[in-house]
Amino acid sequence: MRMTTMGVIGAAVAGVVVNRIMSARNRNLWPMATIAQDRRHARWHVVTINKSPEEVAPGGRLPEPLAKLGDEVEVQVNRAVGDRGTALAARLRHEPTGVAATAARVAGTDPRQRVRVALRESKQLIETGEILQPEKVSTVKRTLTGLPVDFAVSRARGEGRL
């Protein structure tokens, strides 16, 4: 009986603490919420390439996949940490926000996905000389249960995970 009372009191205290933190976050009194919002608008996407900066962007010319994005992105070419190649970074000049950004992400038209794909393709092109494509098995019949996997594979290059 005593342990039950202690458990109820502990849960109540935890609930009050969580409620206070969430209230402060919603009123932007919690500093981490503001910092996270600022970072979201200035997010750099970076790949490390095992080549020197002169080989990555000879004469200031960007790799073709990034060059295709034009003025839509800012690009930086720097030496990687520990002098281990080149850090190729890109970010959108105008990053989408809100419901429209979420809808674009689900539809696969999010410009951030294009930046990620362009960086990966640039890395592959510079390091291997070609853009690698995932193999498609043509002998497998598509099934209803396999559709989620097909969808995940089709979005993986833009999202950065699979």
Protein backbone atom coordinates (compact mmCIF):
# COMPACT_ATOMS: atom_id res chain seq x y z
CA MET A 1 0.00 0.00 0.00
CA ARG A 2 2.81 2.38 0.84
CA MET A 3 4.63 1.73 -2.49
CA THR A 4 1.42 2.44 -4.40
CA THR A 5 1.04 5.83 -2.71
CA MET A 6 4.68 6.68 -3.45
CA GLY A 7 4.18 5.67 -7.09
CA VAL A 8 1.09 7.88 -7.45
CA ILE A 9 2.89 10.85 -5.89
CA GLY A 10 5.94 10.30 -8.13
CA ALA A 11 3.76 10.13 -11.24
CA ALA A 12 1.93 13.32 -10.22
CA VAL A 13 5.21 15.19 -9.69
CA ALA A 14 6.54 13.97 -13.04
CA GLY A 15 3.32 15.09 -14.73
CA VAL A 16 3.59 18.57 -13.24
CA VAL A 17 7.23 18.89 -14.33
CA VAL A 18 6.47 17.77 -17.90
CA ASN A 19 3.48 20.14 -18.04
CA ARG A 20 5.63 23.10 -16.93
CA ILE A 21 8.33 22.31 -19.48
CA MET A 22 5.81 21.97 -22.32
CA SER A 23 4.06 25.22 -21.29
CA ALA A 24 7.38 27.08 -21.25
CA ARG A 25 8.30 25.62 -24.63
CA ASN A 26 4.97 26.69 -26.15
CA ARG A 27 5.47 30.25 -24.86
CA ASN A 28 9.06 30.26 -26.21
CA LEU A 29 10.41 30.69 -22.70
CA TRP A 30 12.49 27.58 -23.07
CA PRO A 31 15.71 28.64 -24.84
CA MET A 32 16.23 25.31 -26.64
CA ALA A 33 12.99 25.77 -28.62
CA THR A 34 14.23 29.08 -30.03
CA ILE A 35 17.67 27.67 -30.86
CA ALA A 36 16.10 24.68 -32.64
CA GLN A 37 13.90 26.98 -34.71
CA ASP A 38 16.87 29.15 -35.73
CA ARG A 39 18.91 26.11 -36.76
CA ARG A 40 16.06 24.75 -38.85
CA HIS A 41 16.09 27.79 -41.12
CA ALA A 42 19.86 27.76 -41.65
CA ARG A 43 20.46 24.01 -41.95
CA TRP A 44 23.52 22.97 -43.90
CA HIS A 45 23.66 19.51 -45.48
CA VAL A 46 27.25 18.24 -45.68
CA VAL A 47 29.10 15.31 -47.24
CA THR A 48 32.77 14.52 -46.83
CA ILE A 49 34.56 13.65 -50.05
CA ASN A 50 37.86 11.82 -50.08
CA LYS A 51 39.50 14.32 -52.48
CA SER A 52 41.14 17.71 -52.13
CA PRO A 53 39.05 20.90 -52.49
CA GLU A 54 40.81 21.58 -55.82
CA GLU A 55 39.57 18.22 -57.15
CA VAL A 56 36.04 18.74 -55.82
CA ALA A 57 35.54 22.20 -57.33
CA PRO A 58 38.28 22.83 -59.92
CA GLY A 59 38.46 26.53 -60.68
CA GLY A 60 35.42 27.14 -58.48
CA ARG A 61 33.21 24.97 -60.73
CA LEU A 62 30.70 22.97 -58.72
CA PRO A 63 29.98 19.31 -59.46
CA GLU A 64 27.20 18.89 -62.02
CA PRO A 65 24.45 17.67 -59.63
CA LEU A 66 24.89 20.75 -57.42
CA ALA A 67 25.36 23.11 -60.35
CA LYS A 68 21.92 22.03 -61.66
CA LEU A 69 20.31 23.52 -58.55
CA GLY A 70 21.65 26.95 -59.53
CA ASP A 71 20.83 29.94 -57.32
CA GLU A 72 18.40 27.85 -55.27
CA VAL A 73 21.28 26.81 -52.97
CA GLU A 74 24.33 28.21 -51.23
CA VAL A 75 27.40 25.98 -51.49
CA GLN A 76 30.61 25.90 -49.46
CA VAL A 77 33.74 23.87 -50.23
CA ASN A 78 36.11 23.55 -47.26
CA ARG A 79 38.80 21.22 -46.01
CA ALA A 80 37.30 18.45 -43.90
CA VAL A 81 38.09 18.15 -40.20
CA GLY A 82 41.47 16.56 -39.58
CA ASP A 83 42.50 17.29 -43.18
CA ARG A 84 40.63 14.18 -44.35
CA GLY A 85 39.36 15.36 -47.70
CA THR A 86 36.77 18.01 -48.44
CA ALA A 87 33.55 19.01 -46.74
CA LEU A 88 31.02 19.90 -49.44
CA ALA A 89 28.09 21.76 -47.86
CA ALA A 90 24.87 23.07 -49.37
CA ARG A 91 21.72 24.71 -48.05
CA LEU A 92 18.60 26.19 -49.55
CA ARG A 93 18.42 29.95 -49.72
CA HIS A 94 14.69 29.80 -48.91
CA GLU A 95 13.75 26.73 -46.91
CA PRO A 96 10.08 25.73 -46.88
CA THR A 97 8.23 25.70 -43.56
CA GLY A 98 4.89 24.73 -42.12
CA VAL A 99 2.21 22.51 -43.59
CA ALA A 100 3.38 23.10 -47.17
CA ALA A 101 6.82 21.73 -46.28
CA THR A 102 5.30 18.63 -44.73
CA ALA A 103 3.05 18.05 -47.73
CA ALA A 104 5.98 18.47 -50.13
CA ARG A 105 8.05 16.00 -48.12
CA VAL A 106 5.32 13.36 -48.22
CA ALA A 107 4.79 13.94 -51.94
CA GLY A 108 8.51 13.65 -52.62
CA THR A 109 8.84 17.20 -53.97
CA ASP A 110 10.62 18.76 -50.99
CA PRO A 111 13.56 20.90 -52.21
CA ARG A 112 15.62 19.70 -49.23
CA GLN A 113 15.44 16.20 -50.72
CA ARG A 114 16.89 17.54 -53.98
CA VAL A 115 19.79 19.10 -52.05
CA ARG A 116 20.53 15.80 -50.27
CA VAL A 117 20.38 13.85 -53.53
CA ALA A 118 22.62 16.39 -55.29
CA LEU A 119 25.23 16.15 -52.51
CA ARG A 120 25.24 12.35 -52.57
CA GLU A 121 25.44 12.25 -56.35
CA SER A 122 28.28 14.80 -56.31
CA LYS A 123 30.19 12.67 -53.82
CA GLN A 124 29.68 9.53 -55.91
CA LEU A 125 30.62 11.27 -59.14
CA ILE A 126 33.83 12.73 -57.71
CA GLU A 127 34.94 9.60 -55.84
CA THR A 128 33.95 6.88 -58.32
CA GLY A 129 33.42 8.69 -61.62
CA GLU A 130 29.77 7.65 -61.88
CA ILE A 131 26.47 8.03 -60.08
CA LEU A 132 25.59 4.72 -58.51
CA GLN A 133 22.02 3.49 -58.85
CA PRO A 134 20.32 0.94 -56.61
CA GLU A 135 19.75 -2.29 -58.43
CA LYS A 136 16.23 -3.07 -59.49
CA VAL A 137 15.41 -6.74 -59.56
CA SER A 138 13.28 -7.26 -62.65
CA THR A 139 12.44 -10.89 -61.88
CA VAL A 140 10.49 -10.12 -58.71
CA LYS A 141 6.76 -9.67 -59.06
CA ARG A 142 5.44 -6.62 -57.21
CA THR A 143 3.05 -7.48 -54.40
CA LEU A 144 0.75 -5.53 -52.15
CA THR A 145 2.88 -6.33 -49.10
CA GLY A 146 6.03 -5.18 -50.91
CA LEU A 147 4.66 -1.71 -51.74
CA PRO A 148 5.81 -0.09 -48.45
CA VAL A 149 9.35 -1.31 -49.11
CA ASP A 150 9.23 -0.01 -52.69
CA PHE A 151 8.01 3.36 -51.40
CA ALA A 152 10.79 3.53 -48.77
CA VAL A 153 13.47 2.69 -51.35
CA SER A 154 12.15 5.35 -53.76
CA ARG A 155 12.35 8.04 -51.04
CA ALA A 156 15.59 6.89 -49.40
CA ARG A 157 17.96 8.91 -51.59
CA GLY A 158 16.21 12.17 -50.71
CA GLU A 159 15.70 11.42 -47.05
CA GLY A 160 19.12 10.07 -46.29
CA ARG A 161 18.01 6.91 -44.58
CA LEU A 162 16.76 3.46 -45.36
